[in-house]
């Protein structure tokens, strides 16, 4: 009799565990995924085709796992003081709410989830064998092409930087971005953010793929 009771108890536990499993074989969300989908997704897109800045509240998180460096992202999520777009991502200078600061545990969970979001346009292993000559040429081309006209760039000035405020502040680009993602973005920014007015390198403008490589190498030194 006792053995029968035991069997019934085991069967009841098994049924309860089955009921707790997600239906249809769906994988349960990780804590980071839940945070991103319930909080971050209010402003950041997680999927879809590339669209212009004026249609969005904030940058996409599509491909975030190939875009951001883990250590930088973890630090920033806990203390999001650095403002990437001085004019505002939507080109509107009106005051914006400060980005939500996460606890250490939540930040770790979010970074872990975002690391799984890959960008199919990015080819890995491109930004390798960088030499000092690449960086010097990149710096020279960056200045000739006047990239600083739209991007804040580190400089020996009283405020520590120079440049415009209509696009991304690049003062921490070397800590923020992964080099291969940045190279692919620099090849054609409109593949990621259409209708942004971004400069698109081309032979017609006397900008070669080697120039893109060198400029990216220089940008990765901006920390």
N, C-alpha and C. Protein backbone atom coordinates (compact mmCIF):
# COMPACT_ATOMS: atom_id res chain seq x y z
N UNK A 1 0.84 -1.21 0.00
CA UNK A 1 0.00 0.00 0.00
C UNK A 1 0.87 1.26 0.00
N UNK A 2 1.90 1.22 0.84
CA UNK A 2 2.78 2.39 0.91
C UNK A 2 3.48 2.62 -0.43
N UNK A 3 3.86 1.50 -1.07
CA UNK A 3 4.55 1.65 -2.36
C UNK A 3 3.62 2.29 -3.40
N UNK A 4 2.31 1.94 -3.33
CA UNK A 4 1.35 2.55 -4.25
C UNK A 4 1.21 4.04 -4.00
N UNK A 5 1.18 4.40 -2.72
CA UNK A 5 1.10 5.83 -2.36
C UNK A 5 2.32 6.57 -2.89
N UNK A 6 3.48 5.91 -2.74
CA UNK A 6 4.71 6.54 -3.22
C UNK A 6 4.69 6.73 -4.72
N UNK A 7 4.18 5.73 -5.44
CA UNK A 7 4.11 5.85 -6.89
C UNK A 7 3.18 6.97 -7.32
N UNK A 8 2.02 7.07 -6.62
CA UNK A 8 1.08 8.16 -6.93
C UNK A 8 1.73 9.52 -6.68
N UNK A 9 2.52 9.63 -5.61
CA UNK A 9 3.18 10.90 -5.27
C UNK A 9 4.18 11.28 -6.35
N UNK A 10 4.97 10.31 -6.81
CA UNK A 10 5.94 10.57 -7.86
C UNK A 10 5.24 11.00 -9.14
N UNK A 11 4.13 10.30 -9.45
CA UNK A 11 3.38 10.64 -10.66
C UNK A 11 2.82 12.06 -10.57
N UNK A 12 2.34 12.44 -9.39
CA UNK A 12 1.77 13.78 -9.21
C UNK A 12 2.84 14.85 -9.41
N UNK A 13 4.06 14.57 -8.90
CA UNK A 13 5.16 15.53 -9.05
C UNK A 13 5.54 15.67 -10.52
N UNK A 14 5.58 14.53 -11.23
CA UNK A 14 5.93 14.56 -12.64
C UNK A 14 4.93 15.39 -13.44
N UNK A 15 3.64 15.20 -13.15
CA UNK A 15 2.61 15.96 -13.85
C UNK A 15 2.75 17.46 -13.56
N UNK A 16 3.03 17.78 -12.30
CA UNK A 16 3.20 19.20 -11.93
C UNK A 16 4.36 19.82 -12.68
N UNK A 17 5.48 19.09 -12.81
CA UNK A 17 6.63 19.62 -13.54
C UNK A 17 6.31 19.82 -15.01
N UNK A 18 5.54 18.91 -15.59
CA UNK A 18 5.15 19.06 -16.98
C UNK A 18 4.29 20.29 -17.19
N UNK A 19 3.41 20.55 -16.24
CA UNK A 19 2.53 21.72 -16.35
C UNK A 19 3.31 23.02 -16.24
N UNK A 20 4.45 22.97 -15.54
CA UNK A 20 5.25 24.17 -15.38
C UNK A 20 6.10 24.47 -16.61
N UNK A 21 6.33 23.48 -17.45
CA UNK A 21 7.12 23.69 -18.64
C UNK A 21 6.37 24.58 -19.63
N UNK A 22 7.12 25.43 -20.39
CA UNK A 22 6.46 26.27 -21.40
C UNK A 22 5.74 25.42 -22.43
N UNK A 23 4.57 25.83 -22.85
CA UNK A 23 3.79 25.08 -23.81
C UNK A 23 4.42 25.15 -25.20
N UNK A 24 4.19 24.10 -25.96
CA UNK A 24 4.68 24.07 -27.32
C UNK A 24 6.18 23.94 -27.41
N UNK A 25 6.86 23.55 -26.33
CA UNK A 25 8.30 23.40 -26.37
C UNK A 25 9.04 24.72 -26.37
N UNK A 26 8.36 25.84 -26.12
CA UNK A 26 9.00 27.15 -26.12
C UNK A 26 9.99 27.26 -24.98
N UNK A 27 11.11 27.91 -25.27
CA UNK A 27 12.14 28.09 -24.27
C UNK A 27 11.76 29.23 -23.34
N UNK A 28 11.93 29.02 -22.05
CA UNK A 28 11.60 30.05 -21.08
C UNK A 28 12.55 31.24 -21.25
N UNK A 29 12.04 32.45 -21.05
CA UNK A 29 12.88 33.64 -21.15
C UNK A 29 13.90 33.69 -20.02
N UNK A 30 15.07 34.18 -20.34
CA UNK A 30 16.07 34.44 -19.30
C UNK A 30 15.69 35.73 -18.58
N UNK A 31 16.22 35.96 -17.38
CA UNK A 31 15.92 37.22 -16.66
C UNK A 31 16.27 38.45 -17.49
N UNK A 32 17.41 38.39 -18.20
CA UNK A 32 17.81 39.52 -19.02
C UNK A 32 16.86 39.78 -20.17
N UNK A 33 16.39 38.72 -20.80
CA UNK A 33 15.44 38.87 -21.90
C UNK A 33 14.15 39.51 -21.40
N UNK A 34 13.70 39.11 -20.23
CA UNK A 34 12.48 39.68 -19.68
C UNK A 34 12.64 41.18 -19.42
N UNK A 35 13.78 41.57 -18.86
CA UNK A 35 14.04 42.99 -18.59
C UNK A 35 14.06 43.78 -19.89
N UNK A 36 14.77 43.25 -20.88
CA UNK A 36 14.90 43.95 -22.16
C UNK A 36 13.53 44.11 -22.83
N UNK A 37 12.73 43.05 -22.84
CA UNK A 37 11.45 43.10 -23.54
C UNK A 37 10.40 43.92 -22.80
N UNK A 38 10.49 44.00 -21.49
CA UNK A 38 9.48 44.75 -20.74
C UNK A 38 9.87 46.20 -20.48
N UNK A 39 11.17 46.50 -20.49
CA UNK A 39 11.61 47.86 -20.19
C UNK A 39 12.35 48.50 -21.37
N UNK A 40 13.41 47.85 -21.85
CA UNK A 40 14.22 48.46 -22.91
C UNK A 40 13.45 48.62 -24.21
N UNK A 41 12.59 47.64 -24.50
CA UNK A 41 11.86 47.65 -25.78
C UNK A 41 10.86 48.79 -25.88
N UNK A 42 10.62 49.51 -24.81
CA UNK A 42 9.73 50.67 -24.88
C UNK A 42 10.34 51.77 -25.77
N UNK A 43 11.67 51.78 -25.86
CA UNK A 43 12.35 52.79 -26.68
C UNK A 43 13.23 52.17 -27.77
N UNK A 44 13.80 51.00 -27.50
CA UNK A 44 14.74 50.37 -28.43
C UNK A 44 14.09 49.23 -29.19
N UNK A 45 14.27 49.20 -30.49
CA UNK A 45 13.77 48.09 -31.29
C UNK A 45 14.70 46.88 -31.16
N UNK A 46 14.10 45.69 -31.15
CA UNK A 46 14.86 44.45 -31.02
C UNK A 46 14.88 43.65 -32.31
N UNK A 47 14.04 44.02 -33.26
CA UNK A 47 13.98 43.30 -34.53
C UNK A 47 13.34 44.20 -35.58
N UNK A 48 13.45 43.76 -36.83
CA UNK A 48 12.84 44.52 -37.91
C UNK A 48 13.87 45.06 -38.89
N UNK A 49 13.37 45.63 -39.98
CA UNK A 49 14.23 46.23 -40.98
C UNK A 49 14.77 47.57 -40.50
N UNK A 50 15.91 47.96 -41.03
CA UNK A 50 16.51 49.25 -40.66
C UNK A 50 15.59 50.39 -41.07
N UNK A 51 15.41 51.35 -40.15
CA UNK A 51 14.61 52.55 -40.44
C UNK A 51 15.35 53.77 -39.92
N UNK A 52 14.95 54.94 -40.37
CA UNK A 52 15.63 56.18 -40.03
C UNK A 52 15.48 56.60 -38.58
N UNK A 53 16.40 57.43 -38.12
CA UNK A 53 16.39 57.91 -36.74
C UNK A 53 15.12 58.67 -36.39
N UNK A 54 14.60 59.41 -37.35
CA UNK A 54 13.42 60.23 -37.05
C UNK A 54 12.18 59.41 -36.73
N UNK A 55 12.24 58.11 -37.01
CA UNK A 55 11.10 57.24 -36.72
C UNK A 55 11.27 56.48 -35.41
N UNK A 56 12.36 56.74 -34.69
CA UNK A 56 12.67 55.96 -33.48
C UNK A 56 12.96 56.87 -32.30
N UNK A 57 12.79 56.31 -31.11
CA UNK A 57 13.10 57.05 -29.90
C UNK A 57 14.57 56.92 -29.51
N UNK A 58 15.16 55.78 -29.85
CA UNK A 58 16.52 55.46 -29.41
C UNK A 58 17.15 54.49 -30.39
N UNK A 59 18.45 54.27 -30.30
CA UNK A 59 19.11 53.32 -31.22
C UNK A 59 18.55 51.92 -31.10
N UNK A 60 18.60 51.19 -32.20
CA UNK A 60 18.18 49.79 -32.19
C UNK A 60 19.13 48.96 -31.32
N UNK A 61 18.57 47.91 -30.76
CA UNK A 61 19.41 46.91 -30.09
C UNK A 61 19.56 45.66 -30.97
N UNK A 62 19.10 45.78 -32.20
CA UNK A 62 19.28 44.70 -33.17
C UNK A 62 20.79 44.53 -33.39
N UNK A 63 21.29 43.33 -33.19
CA UNK A 63 22.72 43.10 -33.39
C UNK A 63 23.60 43.64 -32.29
N UNK A 64 23.02 43.92 -31.12
CA UNK A 64 23.79 44.50 -30.01
C UNK A 64 24.95 43.62 -29.58
N UNK A 65 24.80 42.31 -29.76
CA UNK A 65 25.86 41.39 -29.35
C UNK A 65 27.11 41.51 -30.18
N UNK A 66 26.99 42.04 -31.40
CA UNK A 66 28.15 42.28 -32.26
C UNK A 66 28.58 43.74 -32.24
N UNK A 67 27.78 44.59 -31.63
CA UNK A 67 28.05 46.03 -31.67
C UNK A 67 28.83 46.51 -30.46
N UNK A 68 28.38 46.18 -29.28
CA UNK A 68 28.96 46.75 -28.06
C UNK A 68 29.98 45.83 -27.40
N UNK A 69 30.97 46.43 -26.78
CA UNK A 69 31.91 45.68 -25.97
C UNK A 69 31.26 45.39 -24.62
N UNK A 70 31.37 44.19 -24.18
CA UNK A 70 30.67 43.73 -22.99
C UNK A 70 31.03 44.56 -21.75
N UNK A 71 32.32 44.77 -21.52
CA UNK A 71 32.76 45.48 -20.31
C UNK A 71 32.22 46.90 -20.29
N UNK A 72 32.27 47.58 -21.43
CA UNK A 72 31.77 48.95 -21.48
C UNK A 72 30.26 48.97 -21.23
N UNK A 73 29.53 48.09 -21.91
CA UNK A 73 28.08 48.08 -21.79
C UNK A 73 27.65 47.80 -20.35
N UNK A 74 28.32 46.89 -19.70
CA UNK A 74 27.99 46.55 -18.32
C UNK A 74 28.16 47.75 -17.42
N UNK A 75 29.26 48.46 -17.59
CA UNK A 75 29.52 49.66 -16.77
C UNK A 75 28.51 50.75 -17.06
N UNK A 76 28.21 50.97 -18.34
CA UNK A 76 27.32 52.06 -18.71
C UNK A 76 25.89 51.82 -18.22
N UNK A 77 25.41 50.60 -18.30
CA UNK A 77 24.04 50.31 -17.88
C UNK A 77 23.83 50.60 -16.39
N UNK A 78 24.89 50.46 -15.62
CA UNK A 78 24.78 50.74 -14.18
C UNK A 78 24.87 52.24 -13.88
N UNK A 79 25.48 52.98 -14.77
CA UNK A 79 25.63 54.42 -14.56
C UNK A 79 25.63 55.13 -15.92
N UNK A 80 24.45 55.29 -16.52
CA UNK A 80 24.35 55.81 -17.89
C UNK A 80 24.44 57.33 -17.98
N UNK A 81 25.58 57.86 -17.63
CA UNK A 81 25.76 59.31 -17.69
C UNK A 81 26.13 59.80 -19.08
N UNK A 82 26.96 59.02 -19.78
CA UNK A 82 27.46 59.45 -21.08
C UNK A 82 26.31 59.57 -22.07
N UNK A 83 26.22 60.72 -22.71
CA UNK A 83 25.14 60.97 -23.66
C UNK A 83 25.68 60.83 -25.08
N UNK A 84 25.18 59.85 -25.82
CA UNK A 84 25.71 59.55 -27.14
C UNK A 84 25.34 60.57 -28.20
N UNK A 85 24.13 61.11 -28.10
CA UNK A 85 23.61 62.01 -29.13
C UNK A 85 23.28 63.36 -28.50
N UNK A 86 24.24 64.30 -28.54
CA UNK A 86 24.03 65.60 -27.88
C UNK A 86 22.76 66.30 -28.32
N UNK A 87 22.40 66.15 -29.60
CA UNK A 87 21.19 66.82 -30.10
C UNK A 87 19.94 65.99 -29.83
N UNK A 88 20.12 64.77 -29.43
CA UNK A 88 18.99 63.86 -29.28
C UNK A 88 18.94 62.90 -30.44
N UNK A 89 18.65 61.64 -30.17
CA UNK A 89 18.66 60.64 -31.24
C UNK A 89 17.64 60.96 -32.33
N UNK A 90 16.53 61.59 -31.95
CA UNK A 90 15.49 61.93 -32.91
C UNK A 90 15.68 63.31 -33.54
N UNK A 91 16.91 63.87 -33.36
CA UNK A 91 17.26 65.18 -33.88
C UNK A 91 16.50 66.32 -33.20
N UNK A 92 15.86 66.01 -32.08
CA UNK A 92 15.13 67.03 -31.33
C UNK A 92 15.92 67.36 -30.06
N UNK A 93 16.15 68.64 -29.85
CA UNK A 93 16.99 69.05 -28.72
C UNK A 93 16.21 69.15 -27.40
N UNK A 94 14.92 68.82 -27.43
CA UNK A 94 14.13 68.94 -26.21
C UNK A 94 14.65 67.96 -25.16
N UNK A 95 14.50 68.32 -23.89
CA UNK A 95 15.03 67.48 -22.81
C UNK A 95 14.46 66.07 -22.84
N UNK A 96 15.33 65.09 -22.63
CA UNK A 96 14.92 63.70 -22.60
C UNK A 96 15.09 63.15 -21.19
N UNK A 97 14.29 62.15 -20.87
CA UNK A 97 14.48 61.49 -19.59
C UNK A 97 15.81 60.76 -19.58
N UNK A 98 16.46 60.77 -18.43
CA UNK A 98 17.73 60.07 -18.33
C UNK A 98 17.50 58.57 -18.48
N UNK A 99 18.45 57.92 -19.12
CA UNK A 99 18.36 56.48 -19.33
C UNK A 99 18.29 55.76 -17.98
N UNK A 100 17.47 54.73 -17.93
CA UNK A 100 17.30 53.95 -16.71
C UNK A 100 18.62 53.33 -16.27
N UNK A 101 18.97 53.48 -15.01
CA UNK A 101 20.16 52.83 -14.44
C UNK A 101 19.75 51.49 -13.84
N UNK A 102 20.51 50.45 -14.14
CA UNK A 102 20.20 49.12 -13.66
C UNK A 102 21.08 48.72 -12.49
N UNK A 103 20.57 47.82 -11.68
CA UNK A 103 21.39 47.26 -10.61
C UNK A 103 22.47 46.39 -11.23
N UNK A 104 23.48 46.03 -10.45
CA UNK A 104 24.57 45.21 -10.97
C UNK A 104 24.05 43.89 -11.51
N UNK A 105 23.14 43.28 -10.78
CA UNK A 105 22.59 41.99 -11.20
C UNK A 105 21.77 42.09 -12.47
N UNK A 106 20.92 43.13 -12.54
CA UNK A 106 20.09 43.31 -13.74
C UNK A 106 20.96 43.66 -14.95
N UNK A 107 21.98 44.49 -14.74
CA UNK A 107 22.87 44.85 -15.84
C UNK A 107 23.58 43.62 -16.39
N UNK A 108 24.04 42.77 -15.51
CA UNK A 108 24.71 41.54 -15.94
C UNK A 108 23.76 40.66 -16.75
N UNK A 109 22.52 40.55 -16.28
CA UNK A 109 21.52 39.74 -16.98
C UNK A 109 21.21 40.31 -18.35
N UNK A 110 21.07 41.62 -18.44
CA UNK A 110 20.75 42.27 -19.72
C UNK A 110 21.91 42.11 -20.71
N UNK A 111 23.13 42.32 -20.24
CA UNK A 111 24.29 42.18 -21.12
C UNK A 111 24.40 40.75 -21.63
N UNK A 112 24.11 39.79 -20.76
CA UNK A 112 24.16 38.39 -21.16
C UNK A 112 23.15 38.12 -22.27
N UNK A 113 21.95 38.67 -22.14
CA UNK A 113 20.95 38.47 -23.18
C UNK A 113 21.31 39.21 -24.46
N UNK A 114 21.74 40.46 -24.35
CA UNK A 114 22.07 41.23 -25.54
C UNK A 114 23.22 40.61 -26.32
N UNK A 115 24.09 39.90 -25.63
CA UNK A 115 25.21 39.25 -26.32
C UNK A 115 24.75 38.19 -27.30
N UNK A 116 23.50 37.75 -27.17
CA UNK A 116 22.97 36.72 -28.08
C UNK A 116 22.36 37.33 -29.34
N UNK A 117 22.21 38.65 -29.39
CA UNK A 117 21.60 39.32 -30.54
C UNK A 117 22.69 39.65 -31.56
N UNK A 118 22.77 38.88 -32.62
CA UNK A 118 23.85 39.01 -33.58
C UNK A 118 23.42 39.79 -34.83
N UNK A 119 24.41 40.42 -35.46
CA UNK A 119 24.17 41.21 -36.66
C UNK A 119 24.71 40.46 -37.89
N UNK A 120 23.82 39.97 -38.74
CA UNK A 120 24.26 39.18 -39.89
C UNK A 120 25.12 39.95 -40.90
N UNK A 121 25.07 41.27 -40.89
CA UNK A 121 25.88 42.05 -41.82
C UNK A 121 27.36 42.09 -41.44
N UNK A 122 27.65 41.76 -40.20
CA UNK A 122 29.02 41.88 -39.70
C UNK A 122 29.82 40.61 -40.00
N UNK A 123 30.98 40.81 -40.60
CA UNK A 123 31.92 39.72 -40.83
C UNK A 123 33.02 39.82 -39.77
N UNK A 124 33.25 38.76 -39.05
CA UNK A 124 34.23 38.78 -37.97
C UNK A 124 35.64 38.49 -38.48
N UNK A 125 36.60 39.05 -37.77
CA UNK A 125 38.00 38.81 -38.12
C UNK A 125 38.55 39.75 -39.17
N UNK A 126 37.86 40.87 -39.43
CA UNK A 126 38.31 41.83 -40.44
C UNK A 126 39.34 42.80 -39.85
N UNK A 127 39.03 43.36 -38.70
CA UNK A 127 39.90 44.37 -38.09
C UNK A 127 41.03 43.69 -37.30
N UNK A 128 41.96 43.13 -38.04
CA UNK A 128 43.12 42.46 -37.44
C UNK A 128 44.39 43.00 -38.09
N UNK A 129 45.52 42.69 -37.47
CA UNK A 129 46.82 43.12 -37.99
C UNK A 129 46.89 44.63 -38.19
N UNK A 130 46.34 45.37 -37.24
CA UNK A 130 46.36 46.83 -37.30
C UNK A 130 47.75 47.33 -36.90
N UNK A 131 48.30 48.23 -37.68
CA UNK A 131 49.62 48.78 -37.41
C UNK A 131 49.52 50.26 -37.02
N UNK A 132 50.57 50.80 -36.42
CA UNK A 132 50.58 52.25 -36.14
C UNK A 132 50.37 53.08 -37.40
N UNK A 133 50.86 52.57 -38.54
CA UNK A 133 50.69 53.30 -39.80
C UNK A 133 49.21 53.36 -40.19
N UNK A 134 48.47 52.28 -39.96
CA UNK A 134 47.02 52.29 -40.23
C UNK A 134 46.35 53.38 -39.40
N UNK A 135 46.71 53.45 -38.14
CA UNK A 135 46.08 54.42 -37.25
C UNK A 135 46.42 55.85 -37.66
N UNK A 136 47.67 56.09 -38.03
CA UNK A 136 48.07 57.44 -38.45
C UNK A 136 47.35 57.85 -39.73
N UNK A 137 47.29 56.92 -40.69
CA UNK A 137 46.56 57.23 -41.93
C UNK A 137 45.09 57.45 -41.65
N UNK A 138 44.53 56.64 -40.75
CA UNK A 138 43.13 56.79 -40.40
C UNK A 138 42.84 58.14 -39.77
N UNK A 139 43.71 58.57 -38.90
CA UNK A 139 43.54 59.88 -38.26
C UNK A 139 43.58 61.00 -39.31
N UNK A 140 44.52 60.88 -40.23
CA UNK A 140 44.64 61.90 -41.28
C UNK A 140 43.40 61.93 -42.17
N UNK A 141 42.89 60.76 -42.56
CA UNK A 141 41.71 60.71 -43.41
C UNK A 141 40.47 61.19 -42.65
N UNK A 142 40.38 60.85 -41.38
CA UNK A 142 39.27 61.30 -40.52
C UNK A 142 39.21 62.83 -40.52
N UNK A 143 40.38 63.46 -40.45
CA UNK A 143 40.43 64.92 -40.41
C UNK A 143 40.16 65.53 -41.79
N UNK A 144 40.72 64.93 -42.83
CA UNK A 144 40.50 65.44 -44.19
C UNK A 144 39.02 65.35 -44.56
N UNK A 145 38.38 64.26 -44.18
CA UNK A 145 36.96 64.07 -44.49
C UNK A 145 36.05 64.83 -43.53
N UNK A 146 36.66 65.47 -42.54
CA UNK A 146 35.94 66.30 -41.57
C UNK A 146 34.84 65.52 -40.84
N UNK A 147 35.16 64.31 -40.42
CA UNK A 147 34.20 63.50 -39.66
C UNK A 147 33.78 64.21 -38.38
N UNK A 148 34.69 65.03 -37.86
CA UNK A 148 34.41 65.76 -36.62
C UNK A 148 33.33 66.83 -36.81
N UNK A 149 32.95 67.13 -38.04
CA UNK A 149 31.90 68.13 -38.26
C UNK A 149 30.58 67.70 -37.64
N UNK A 150 30.36 66.37 -37.58
CA UNK A 150 29.13 65.84 -37.01
C UNK A 150 29.36 65.10 -35.69
N UNK A 151 30.59 64.63 -35.48
CA UNK A 151 30.89 63.79 -34.32
C UNK A 151 31.83 64.49 -33.35
N UNK A 152 31.46 64.52 -32.09
CA UNK A 152 32.40 64.99 -31.08
C UNK A 152 33.58 64.03 -31.00
N UNK A 153 34.77 64.61 -31.01
CA UNK A 153 36.00 63.83 -31.09
C UNK A 153 37.00 64.36 -30.07
N UNK A 154 37.73 63.48 -29.38
CA UNK A 154 38.74 63.94 -28.42
C UNK A 154 39.72 64.91 -29.06
N UNK A 155 40.05 65.96 -28.34
CA UNK A 155 40.96 66.97 -28.87
C UNK A 155 41.64 67.70 -27.72
N UNK A 156 42.76 68.31 -28.02
CA UNK A 156 43.51 69.08 -27.03
C UNK A 156 42.93 70.49 -26.94
N UNK A 157 41.74 70.57 -26.37
CA UNK A 157 41.04 71.84 -26.18
C UNK A 157 40.65 71.96 -24.70
N UNK A 158 40.28 73.15 -24.26
CA UNK A 158 39.88 73.29 -22.85
C UNK A 158 38.77 72.32 -22.42
N UNK A 159 37.84 72.03 -23.33
CA UNK A 159 36.75 71.11 -22.97
C UNK A 159 37.09 69.64 -23.23
N UNK A 160 38.23 69.41 -23.89
CA UNK A 160 38.69 68.06 -24.12
C UNK A 160 38.17 67.41 -25.39
N UNK A 161 37.43 68.15 -26.20
CA UNK A 161 36.89 67.60 -27.43
C UNK A 161 36.60 68.71 -28.44
N UNK A 162 36.37 68.30 -29.67
CA UNK A 162 35.96 69.22 -30.72
C UNK A 162 34.92 68.52 -31.58
N UNK A 163 34.20 69.28 -32.38
CA UNK A 163 33.27 68.64 -33.30
C UNK A 163 31.83 69.05 -33.12
N UNK A 164 30.98 68.50 -34.01
CA UNK A 164 29.56 68.82 -34.02
C UNK A 164 28.76 67.95 -33.09
N UNK A 165 27.44 68.16 -33.12
CA UNK A 165 26.57 67.44 -32.18
C UNK A 165 25.35 66.81 -32.86
N UNK A 166 25.43 66.64 -34.20
CA UNK A 166 24.28 66.08 -34.90
C UNK A 166 24.32 64.55 -34.98
N UNK A 167 25.46 63.97 -34.66
CA UNK A 167 25.55 62.51 -34.73
C UNK A 167 26.25 61.98 -33.47
N UNK A 168 26.64 60.72 -33.51
CA UNK A 168 27.15 60.04 -32.33
C UNK A 168 28.41 60.69 -31.77
N UNK A 169 28.45 60.86 -30.48
CA UNK A 169 29.65 61.31 -29.79
C UNK A 169 30.64 60.14 -29.81
N UNK A 170 31.82 60.38 -30.40
CA UNK A 170 32.79 59.30 -30.58
C UNK A 170 33.90 59.30 -29.54
N UNK A 171 33.73 60.03 -28.45
CA UNK A 171 34.83 60.13 -27.48
C UNK A 171 35.12 58.81 -26.77
N UNK A 172 34.20 57.87 -26.79
CA UNK A 172 34.48 56.58 -26.16
C UNK A 172 34.31 55.43 -27.16
N UNK A 173 34.44 55.74 -28.44
CA UNK A 173 34.17 54.71 -29.45
C UNK A 173 35.08 53.50 -29.32
N UNK A 174 36.31 53.69 -28.89
CA UNK A 174 37.24 52.58 -28.76
C UNK A 174 36.92 51.64 -27.61
N UNK A 175 36.18 52.13 -26.64
CA UNK A 175 35.73 51.28 -25.53
C UNK A 175 34.33 50.75 -25.77
N UNK A 176 33.56 51.47 -26.57
CA UNK A 176 32.14 51.17 -26.71
C UNK A 176 31.86 50.11 -27.78
N UNK A 177 32.49 50.26 -28.93
CA UNK A 177 32.14 49.40 -30.06
C UNK A 177 33.11 48.25 -30.26
N UNK A 178 32.61 47.19 -30.86
CA UNK A 178 33.46 46.12 -31.35
C UNK A 178 33.98 46.52 -32.73
N UNK A 179 35.25 46.29 -32.97
CA UNK A 179 35.92 46.82 -34.17
C UNK A 179 35.28 46.32 -35.47
N UNK A 180 34.93 45.04 -35.54
CA UNK A 180 34.36 44.52 -36.78
C UNK A 180 32.99 45.12 -37.08
N UNK A 181 32.19 45.36 -36.02
CA UNK A 181 30.90 46.02 -36.23
C UNK A 181 31.13 47.44 -36.73
N UNK A 182 32.06 48.17 -36.12
CA UNK A 182 32.31 49.56 -36.49
C UNK A 182 32.81 49.65 -37.93
N UNK A 183 33.66 48.72 -38.33
CA UNK A 183 34.14 48.71 -39.71
C UNK A 183 32.97 48.54 -40.69
N UNK A 184 32.10 47.57 -40.40
CA UNK A 184 30.96 47.34 -41.30
C UNK A 184 30.03 48.54 -41.32
N UNK A 185 29.81 49.15 -40.17
CA UNK A 185 28.97 50.35 -40.12
C UNK A 185 29.60 51.47 -40.96
N UNK A 186 30.91 51.66 -40.83
CA UNK A 186 31.59 52.72 -41.56
C UNK A 186 31.57 52.48 -43.07
N UNK A 187 31.48 51.23 -43.49
CA UNK A 187 31.39 50.95 -44.92
C UNK A 187 30.14 51.57 -45.53
N UNK A 188 29.04 51.48 -44.81
CA UNK A 188 27.79 52.09 -45.29
C UNK A 188 26.82 52.26 -44.11
N UNK A 189 26.87 53.40 -43.44
CA UNK A 189 25.97 53.63 -42.30
C UNK A 189 24.50 53.51 -42.64
N UNK A 190 24.15 53.75 -43.91
CA UNK A 190 22.74 53.70 -44.29
C UNK A 190 22.17 52.29 -44.26
N UNK A 191 23.03 51.28 -44.25
CA UNK A 191 22.55 49.91 -44.08
C UNK A 191 21.96 49.69 -42.70
N UNK A 192 22.40 50.50 -41.75
CA UNK A 192 21.94 50.39 -40.37
C UNK A 192 20.94 51.47 -40.01
N UNK A 193 21.17 52.68 -40.50
CA UNK A 193 20.29 53.81 -40.18
C UNK A 193 20.01 54.59 -41.47
N UNK A 194 19.01 54.17 -42.23
CA UNK A 194 18.68 54.88 -43.47
C UNK A 194 18.21 56.31 -43.19
N UNK A 195 18.29 57.14 -44.21
CA UNK A 195 17.72 58.48 -44.12
C UNK A 195 18.32 59.29 -42.97
N UNK A 196 19.61 59.04 -42.69
CA UNK A 196 20.25 59.76 -41.57
C UNK A 196 21.15 60.89 -42.04
N UNK A 197 21.39 60.95 -43.35
CA UNK A 197 22.29 61.97 -43.87
C UNK A 197 23.75 61.64 -43.64
N UNK A 198 24.04 60.40 -43.22
CA UNK A 198 25.41 60.00 -42.93
C UNK A 198 26.24 59.94 -44.20
N UNK A 199 27.52 60.22 -44.05
CA UNK A 199 28.47 60.14 -45.16
C UNK A 199 28.68 58.68 -45.54
N UNK A 200 28.58 58.38 -46.83
CA UNK A 200 28.78 57.01 -47.31
C UNK A 200 30.05 56.97 -48.15
N UNK A 201 31.09 56.28 -47.68
CA UNK A 201 32.35 56.21 -48.43
C UNK A 201 32.15 55.56 -49.80
N UNK A 202 32.85 56.07 -50.81
CA UNK A 202 32.78 55.48 -52.14
C UNK A 202 33.98 55.96 -52.96
N UNK A 203 34.37 55.20 -53.99
CA UNK A 203 35.47 55.64 -54.86
C UNK A 203 35.20 56.99 -55.51
N UNK A 204 33.93 57.27 -55.75
CA UNK A 204 33.57 58.57 -56.36
C UNK A 204 34.03 59.71 -55.47
N UNK A 205 33.98 59.49 -54.17
CA UNK A 205 34.42 60.51 -53.22
C UNK A 205 35.87 60.31 -52.81
N UNK A 206 36.55 59.47 -53.58
CA UNK A 206 37.97 59.20 -53.33
C UNK A 206 38.21 58.60 -51.94
N UNK A 207 37.29 57.72 -51.53
CA UNK A 207 37.43 57.01 -50.25
C UNK A 207 37.44 55.52 -50.54
N UNK A 208 38.55 54.88 -50.24
CA UNK A 208 38.70 53.46 -50.54
C UNK A 208 38.35 52.61 -49.33
N UNK A 209 38.27 51.29 -49.55
CA UNK A 209 38.03 50.37 -48.44
C UNK A 209 39.22 50.38 -47.47
N UNK A 210 40.41 50.63 -47.99
CA UNK A 210 41.57 50.77 -47.10
C UNK A 210 41.41 51.98 -46.19
N UNK A 211 40.85 53.05 -46.74
CA UNK A 211 40.57 54.24 -45.93
C UNK A 211 39.59 53.89 -44.81
N UNK A 212 38.56 53.12 -45.14
CA UNK A 212 37.57 52.73 -44.13
C UNK A 212 38.24 51.92 -43.03
N UNK A 213 39.09 50.99 -43.42
CA UNK A 213 39.83 50.18 -42.45
C UNK A 213 40.67 51.08 -41.55
N UNK A 214 41.42 52.00 -42.15
CA UNK A 214 42.32 52.86 -41.37
C UNK A 214 41.55 53.81 -40.46
N UNK A 215 40.46 54.37 -40.96
CA UNK A 215 39.63 55.27 -40.13
C UNK A 215 39.06 54.50 -38.95
N UNK A 216 38.60 53.28 -39.20
CA UNK A 216 38.07 52.46 -38.11
C UNK A 216 39.17 52.16 -37.08
N UNK A 217 40.36 51.86 -37.57
CA UNK A 217 41.49 51.59 -36.66
C UNK A 217 41.75 52.82 -35.78
N UNK A 218 41.70 54.01 -36.38
CA UNK A 218 41.87 55.24 -35.60
C UNK A 218 40.75 55.43 -34.59
N UNK A 219 39.51 55.21 -35.01
CA UNK A 219 38.37 55.39 -34.11
C UNK A 219 38.45 54.45 -32.90
N UNK A 220 39.04 53.29 -33.09
CA UNK A 220 39.17 52.36 -31.97
C UNK A 220 40.20 52.80 -30.95
N UNK A 221 40.95 53.86 -31.26
CA UNK A 221 41.89 54.41 -30.27
C UNK A 221 41.26 55.51 -29.44
N UNK A 222 40.05 55.92 -29.79
CA UNK A 222 39.38 57.02 -29.09
C UNK A 222 38.73 56.51 -27.81
N UNK A 223 39.39 56.75 -26.69
CA UNK A 223 38.91 56.24 -25.42
C UNK A 223 38.94 57.31 -24.34
